[in-house]
Amino acid sequence: MLAHRLKQARLRAGLSQEKLGKLAGIDPMSASARMNQYERGKHSPDYQLMCRVAEILNMPVSWFYTADDEQARLQEIFYHLDANTRRPLLTQAEALIAANPPSNNPASAATSQPSSAD
């Protein structure tokens, strides 16, 4: 997941692998090759590097690690909202979860989730 999201965010930002690597503090001689390996999933960057990359790409670091696309999209939206806009959104989300509490049974929670094929 990280590899796919890393490439997606980099392309959206209009940066080359080399430029992103250099901005993130990777040695200029290996910046392009290392970013390429991360995007192909051959190697995984450490969390500190991903924190720097996330800041450069203006994305929440958690977004890169989130497997579910809808959850990732919610993280991205929330991250880009200012504090005054976040508060009412959180209030509304809390009201929704209070009205529709999650099941305590992990098995039933898994079966109540819509499948990605829907």
N, C-alpha and C. Protein backbone atom coordinates (compact mmCIF):
# COMPACT_ATOMS: atom_id res chain seq x y z
N MET A 1 0.82 -1.19 0.00
CA MET A 1 0.00 0.00 0.00
C MET A 1 0.86 1.26 0.00
N LEU A 2 1.89 1.27 0.84
CA LEU A 2 2.75 2.44 0.94
C LEU A 2 3.36 2.78 -0.42
N ALA A 3 3.82 1.80 -1.14
CA ALA A 3 4.47 2.05 -2.43
C ALA A 3 3.51 2.74 -3.40
N HIS A 4 2.29 2.24 -3.48
CA HIS A 4 1.29 2.81 -4.38
C HIS A 4 0.95 4.25 -3.98
N ARG A 5 0.72 4.47 -2.69
CA ARG A 5 0.34 5.81 -2.23
C ARG A 5 1.51 6.80 -2.38
N LEU A 6 2.72 6.33 -2.16
CA LEU A 6 3.88 7.19 -2.30
C LEU A 6 3.99 7.70 -3.74
N LYS A 7 3.87 6.80 -4.69
CA LYS A 7 3.95 7.20 -6.10
C LYS A 7 2.79 8.14 -6.45
N GLN A 8 1.60 7.80 -6.00
CA GLN A 8 0.42 8.61 -6.28
C GLN A 8 0.61 10.04 -5.77
N ALA A 9 1.06 10.19 -4.54
CA ALA A 9 1.23 11.52 -3.96
C ALA A 9 2.37 12.28 -4.63
N ARG A 10 3.44 11.57 -4.96
CA ARG A 10 4.58 12.23 -5.63
C ARG A 10 4.17 12.77 -6.98
N LEU A 11 3.47 11.95 -7.76
CA LEU A 11 3.03 12.39 -9.09
C LEU A 11 2.05 13.55 -8.98
N ARG A 12 1.15 13.48 -8.01
CA ARG A 12 0.19 14.56 -7.80
C ARG A 12 0.90 15.87 -7.47
N ALA A 13 2.03 15.77 -6.75
CA ALA A 13 2.81 16.96 -6.39
C ALA A 13 3.69 17.43 -7.53
N GLY A 14 3.81 16.62 -8.58
CA GLY A 14 4.63 17.01 -9.73
C GLY A 14 6.12 16.95 -9.47
N LEU A 15 6.54 16.04 -8.60
CA LEU A 15 7.96 15.91 -8.28
C LEU A 15 8.54 14.64 -8.90
N SER A 16 9.78 14.71 -9.27
CA SER A 16 10.49 13.51 -9.73
C SER A 16 10.90 12.71 -8.50
N GLN A 17 11.23 11.46 -8.71
CA GLN A 17 11.73 10.64 -7.61
C GLN A 17 12.99 11.27 -7.02
N GLU A 18 13.86 11.74 -7.89
CA GLU A 18 15.11 12.34 -7.44
C GLU A 18 14.86 13.59 -6.60
N LYS A 19 13.98 14.45 -7.06
CA LYS A 19 13.69 15.70 -6.35
C LYS A 19 13.09 15.41 -4.98
N LEU A 20 12.12 14.50 -4.93
CA LEU A 20 11.50 14.16 -3.65
C LEU A 20 12.53 13.57 -2.70
N GLY A 21 13.36 12.67 -3.20
CA GLY A 21 14.39 12.07 -2.36
C GLY A 21 15.34 13.11 -1.79
N LYS A 22 15.78 14.04 -2.61
CA LYS A 22 16.68 15.09 -2.15
C LYS A 22 16.00 15.98 -1.12
N LEU A 23 14.75 16.37 -1.38
CA LEU A 23 14.01 17.21 -0.43
C LEU A 23 13.83 16.51 0.91
N ALA A 24 13.72 15.17 0.87
CA ALA A 24 13.53 14.39 2.09
C ALA A 24 14.85 14.11 2.82
N GLY A 25 15.95 14.55 2.24
CA GLY A 25 17.24 14.40 2.91
C GLY A 25 18.03 13.16 2.55
N ILE A 26 17.62 12.49 1.49
CA ILE A 26 18.37 11.33 1.02
C ILE A 26 19.58 11.82 0.24
N ASP A 27 20.69 11.12 0.37
CA ASP A 27 21.91 11.49 -0.34
C ASP A 27 21.60 11.69 -1.82
N PRO A 28 22.01 12.83 -2.39
CA PRO A 28 21.69 13.13 -3.79
C PRO A 28 22.14 12.06 -4.79
N MET A 29 23.21 11.35 -4.47
CA MET A 29 23.71 10.32 -5.38
C MET A 29 22.80 9.10 -5.44
N SER A 30 22.00 8.89 -4.40
CA SER A 30 21.14 7.70 -4.38
C SER A 30 19.65 8.04 -4.25
N ALA A 31 19.31 9.32 -4.25
CA ALA A 31 17.93 9.74 -4.01
C ALA A 31 16.94 9.11 -4.99
N SER A 32 17.24 9.18 -6.27
CA SER A 32 16.33 8.64 -7.28
C SER A 32 16.19 7.13 -7.15
N ALA A 33 17.29 6.43 -7.00
CA ALA A 33 17.26 4.97 -6.91
C ALA A 33 16.50 4.51 -5.66
N ARG A 34 16.72 5.18 -4.54
CA ARG A 34 16.03 4.78 -3.31
C ARG A 34 14.53 5.04 -3.41
N MET A 35 14.15 6.18 -3.95
CA MET A 35 12.72 6.47 -4.08
C MET A 35 12.08 5.47 -5.04
N ASN A 36 12.79 5.10 -6.08
CA ASN A 36 12.29 4.10 -7.02
C ASN A 36 12.06 2.76 -6.31
N GLN A 37 12.99 2.37 -5.47
CA GLN A 37 12.84 1.11 -4.73
C GLN A 37 11.65 1.17 -3.77
N TYR A 38 11.44 2.32 -3.16
CA TYR A 38 10.29 2.48 -2.26
C TYR A 38 8.98 2.40 -3.04
N GLU A 39 8.93 3.04 -4.19
CA GLU A 39 7.71 3.03 -4.99
C GLU A 39 7.42 1.67 -5.61
N ARG A 40 8.43 0.88 -5.82
CA ARG A 40 8.23 -0.47 -6.36
C ARG A 40 7.97 -1.49 -5.25
N GLY A 41 8.13 -1.06 -4.00
CA GLY A 41 7.92 -1.95 -2.87
C GLY A 41 9.08 -2.89 -2.61
N LYS A 42 10.21 -2.64 -3.26
CA LYS A 42 11.39 -3.48 -3.06
C LYS A 42 11.97 -3.28 -1.66
N HIS A 43 11.94 -2.05 -1.19
CA HIS A 43 12.38 -1.70 0.17
C HIS A 43 11.32 -0.78 0.76
N SER A 44 11.32 -0.70 2.09
CA SER A 44 10.38 0.18 2.77
C SER A 44 11.14 1.28 3.50
N PRO A 45 10.70 2.52 3.32
CA PRO A 45 11.35 3.62 4.04
C PRO A 45 11.01 3.55 5.53
N ASP A 46 11.91 4.05 6.38
CA ASP A 46 11.59 4.07 7.80
C ASP A 46 10.56 5.18 8.08
N TYR A 47 9.99 5.11 9.26
CA TYR A 47 8.89 6.02 9.60
C TYR A 47 9.35 7.48 9.61
N GLN A 48 10.55 7.75 10.08
CA GLN A 48 11.05 9.13 10.10
C GLN A 48 11.16 9.71 8.70
N LEU A 49 11.63 8.91 7.77
CA LEU A 49 11.71 9.36 6.39
C LEU A 49 10.31 9.61 5.84
N MET A 50 9.37 8.73 6.15
CA MET A 50 8.00 8.92 5.67
C MET A 50 7.37 10.16 6.28
N CYS A 51 7.73 10.51 7.50
CA CYS A 51 7.23 11.75 8.09
C CYS A 51 7.73 12.95 7.30
N ARG A 52 8.98 12.93 6.89
CA ARG A 52 9.53 14.03 6.07
C ARG A 52 8.86 14.06 4.70
N VAL A 53 8.69 12.89 4.09
CA VAL A 53 8.05 12.80 2.77
C VAL A 53 6.61 13.30 2.85
N ALA A 54 5.89 12.90 3.88
CA ALA A 54 4.50 13.33 4.05
C ALA A 54 4.42 14.84 4.16
N GLU A 55 5.32 15.44 4.90
CA GLU A 55 5.33 16.90 5.04
C GLU A 55 5.60 17.56 3.69
N ILE A 56 6.55 17.06 2.95
CA ILE A 56 6.88 17.61 1.63
C ILE A 56 5.69 17.50 0.69
N LEU A 57 5.00 16.35 0.74
CA LEU A 57 3.88 16.10 -0.17
C LEU A 57 2.55 16.63 0.38
N ASN A 58 2.59 17.24 1.56
CA ASN A 58 1.40 17.83 2.19
C ASN A 58 0.29 16.81 2.37
N MET A 59 0.68 15.68 2.94
CA MET A 59 -0.26 14.58 3.21
C MET A 59 -0.03 14.09 4.63
N PRO A 60 -1.07 13.54 5.27
CA PRO A 60 -0.85 12.94 6.59
C PRO A 60 -0.05 11.65 6.44
N VAL A 61 0.89 11.44 7.32
CA VAL A 61 1.73 10.24 7.19
C VAL A 61 0.90 8.97 7.29
N SER A 62 -0.16 8.99 8.07
CA SER A 62 -1.01 7.80 8.20
C SER A 62 -1.64 7.40 6.87
N TRP A 63 -1.87 8.35 5.99
CA TRP A 63 -2.48 8.09 4.68
C TRP A 63 -1.67 7.06 3.89
N PHE A 64 -0.35 7.13 4.00
CA PHE A 64 0.52 6.23 3.24
C PHE A 64 0.40 4.78 3.71
N TYR A 65 -0.03 4.58 4.95
CA TYR A 65 -0.10 3.24 5.54
C TYR A 65 -1.52 2.68 5.60
N THR A 66 -2.50 3.42 5.15
CA THR A 66 -3.89 3.00 5.26
C THR A 66 -4.29 2.18 4.04
N ALA A 67 -4.73 0.95 4.29
CA ALA A 67 -5.08 0.05 3.19
C ALA A 67 -6.43 0.39 2.57
N ASP A 68 -7.40 0.80 3.37
CA ASP A 68 -8.74 1.08 2.88
C ASP A 68 -8.78 2.46 2.20
N ASP A 69 -9.20 2.49 0.95
CA ASP A 69 -9.21 3.74 0.18
C ASP A 69 -10.14 4.79 0.77
N GLU A 70 -11.30 4.38 1.28
CA GLU A 70 -12.23 5.36 1.86
C GLU A 70 -11.67 5.96 3.14
N GLN A 71 -11.06 5.14 3.97
CA GLN A 71 -10.43 5.67 5.18
C GLN A 71 -9.28 6.61 4.82
N ALA A 72 -8.51 6.24 3.83
CA ALA A 72 -7.41 7.09 3.40
C ALA A 72 -7.93 8.43 2.89
N ARG A 73 -9.01 8.39 2.13
CA ARG A 73 -9.60 9.63 1.61
C ARG A 73 -10.10 10.51 2.75
N LEU A 74 -10.73 9.91 3.76
CA LEU A 74 -11.18 10.69 4.92
C LEU A 74 -10.00 11.33 5.64
N GLN A 75 -8.91 10.60 5.79
CA GLN A 75 -7.71 11.15 6.42
C GLN A 75 -7.18 12.35 5.63
N GLU A 76 -7.14 12.19 4.33
CA GLU A 76 -6.64 13.26 3.46
C GLU A 76 -7.50 14.50 3.58
N ILE A 77 -8.81 14.33 3.51
CA ILE A 77 -9.74 15.46 3.62
C ILE A 77 -9.58 16.15 4.96
N PHE A 78 -9.60 15.37 6.04
CA PHE A 78 -9.50 15.92 7.38
C PHE A 78 -8.20 16.69 7.56
N TYR A 79 -7.12 16.15 7.06
CA TYR A 79 -5.80 16.78 7.17
C TYR A 79 -5.77 18.16 6.53
N HIS A 80 -6.49 18.32 5.43
CA HIS A 80 -6.46 19.59 4.71
C HIS A 80 -7.47 20.62 5.19
N LEU A 81 -8.31 20.25 6.15
CA LEU A 81 -9.27 21.20 6.70
C LEU A 81 -8.62 22.02 7.81
N ASP A 82 -9.05 23.27 7.96
CA ASP A 82 -8.54 24.06 9.07
C ASP A 82 -9.28 23.65 10.35
N ALA A 83 -8.75 24.06 11.50
CA ALA A 83 -9.27 23.64 12.80
C ALA A 83 -10.74 24.02 12.98
N ASN A 84 -11.14 25.17 12.49
CA ASN A 84 -12.54 25.59 12.63
C ASN A 84 -13.50 24.74 11.82
N THR A 85 -13.02 24.15 10.76
CA THR A 85 -13.86 23.28 9.94
C THR A 85 -13.84 21.85 10.47
N ARG A 86 -12.73 21.46 11.09
CA ARG A 86 -12.62 20.11 11.63
C ARG A 86 -13.59 19.87 12.79
N ARG A 87 -13.74 20.86 13.66
CA ARG A 87 -14.57 20.67 14.86
C ARG A 87 -15.99 20.24 14.54
N PRO A 88 -16.72 20.96 13.67
CA PRO A 88 -18.08 20.51 13.37
C PRO A 88 -18.13 19.14 12.68
N LEU A 89 -17.11 18.84 11.89
CA LEU A 89 -17.05 17.53 11.24
C LEU A 89 -16.90 16.43 12.28
N LEU A 90 -16.03 16.65 13.26
CA LEU A 90 -15.86 15.68 14.34
C LEU A 90 -17.15 15.52 15.15
N THR A 91 -17.82 16.62 15.42
CA THR A 91 -19.08 16.58 16.16
C THR A 91 -20.10 15.75 15.40
N GLN A 92 -20.18 15.96 14.11
CA GLN A 92 -21.13 15.19 13.28
C GLN A 92 -20.75 13.71 13.24
N ALA A 93 -19.48 13.41 13.11
CA ALA A 93 -19.02 12.02 13.09
C ALA A 93 -19.31 11.33 14.43
N GLU A 94 -19.10 12.05 15.52
CA GLU A 94 -19.39 11.49 16.84
C GLU A 94 -20.88 11.22 17.01
N ALA A 95 -21.72 12.11 16.49
CA ALA A 95 -23.17 11.89 16.54
C ALA A 95 -23.56 10.66 15.72
N LEU A 96 -22.94 10.49 14.57
CA LEU A 96 -23.22 9.32 13.72
C LEU A 96 -22.84 8.02 14.42
N ILE A 97 -21.67 8.01 15.06
CA ILE A 97 -21.22 6.79 15.71
C ILE A 97 -22.05 6.51 16.96
N ALA A 98 -22.52 7.56 17.63
CA ALA A 98 -23.38 7.36 18.81
C ALA A 98 -24.73 6.77 18.38
N ALA A 99 -25.24 7.20 17.24
CA ALA A 99 -26.52 6.70 16.74
C ALA A 99 -26.39 5.31 16.12
N ASN A 100 -25.19 4.97 15.69
CA ASN A 100 -24.94 3.67 15.05
C ASN A 100 -23.68 3.05 15.67
N PRO A 101 -23.75 2.64 16.92
CA PRO A 101 -22.53 2.13 17.58
C PRO A 101 -21.99 0.88 16.90
N PRO A 102 -20.67 0.77 16.86
CA PRO A 102 -20.07 -0.43 16.26
C PRO A 102 -20.33 -1.64 17.13
N SER A 103 -20.38 -2.78 16.51
CA SER A 103 -20.57 -4.03 17.23
C SER A 103 -19.31 -4.35 18.01
N ASN A 104 -19.46 -4.98 19.16
CA ASN A 104 -18.30 -5.42 19.95
C ASN A 104 -17.78 -6.76 19.48
N ASN A 105 -18.52 -7.41 18.60
CA ASN A 105 -18.14 -8.72 18.08
C ASN A 105 -17.34 -8.52 16.79
N PRO A 106 -16.01 -8.76 16.82
CA PRO A 106 -15.20 -8.54 15.62
C PRO A 106 -15.67 -9.33 14.40
N ALA A 107 -16.20 -10.52 14.62
CA ALA A 107 -16.66 -11.33 13.48
C ALA A 107 -17.84 -10.68 12.79
N SER A 108 -18.80 -10.16 13.57
CA SER A 108 -19.96 -9.54 12.94
C SER A 108 -19.61 -8.19 12.33
N ALA A 109 -18.64 -7.49 12.92
CA ALA A 109 -18.21 -6.21 12.36
C ALA A 109 -17.57 -6.43 10.99
N ALA A 110 -16.81 -7.51 10.86
CA ALA A 110 -16.16 -7.79 9.58
C ALA A 110 -17.18 -8.14 8.51
N THR A 111 -18.24 -8.83 8.88
CA THR A 111 -19.23 -9.21 7.88
C THR A 111 -20.18 -8.07 7.55
N SER A 112 -20.25 -7.05 8.42
CA SER A 112 -21.16 -5.94 8.15
C SER A 112 -20.52 -4.89 7.25
N GLN A 113 -19.22 -5.01 7.00
CA GLN A 113 -18.53 -4.07 6.14
C GLN A 113 -18.84 -4.39 4.68
N PRO A 114 -19.12 -3.34 3.87
CA PRO A 114 -19.33 -3.62 2.45
C PRO A 114 -18.04 -4.12 1.82
N SER A 115 -18.16 -5.06 0.94
CA SER A 115 -16.97 -5.57 0.27
C SER A 115 -16.54 -4.60 -0.81
N SER A 116 -15.27 -4.70 -1.18
CA SER A 116 -14.74 -3.81 -2.21
C SER A 116 -15.34 -4.11 -3.58
N ALA A 117 -15.98 -5.27 -3.70
CA ALA A 117 -16.60 -5.64 -4.98
C ALA A 117 -17.96 -4.99 -5.16
N ASP A 118 -18.53 -4.43 -4.07
CA ASP A 118 -19.86 -3.80 -4.16
C ASP A 118 -19.82 -2.53 -4.97
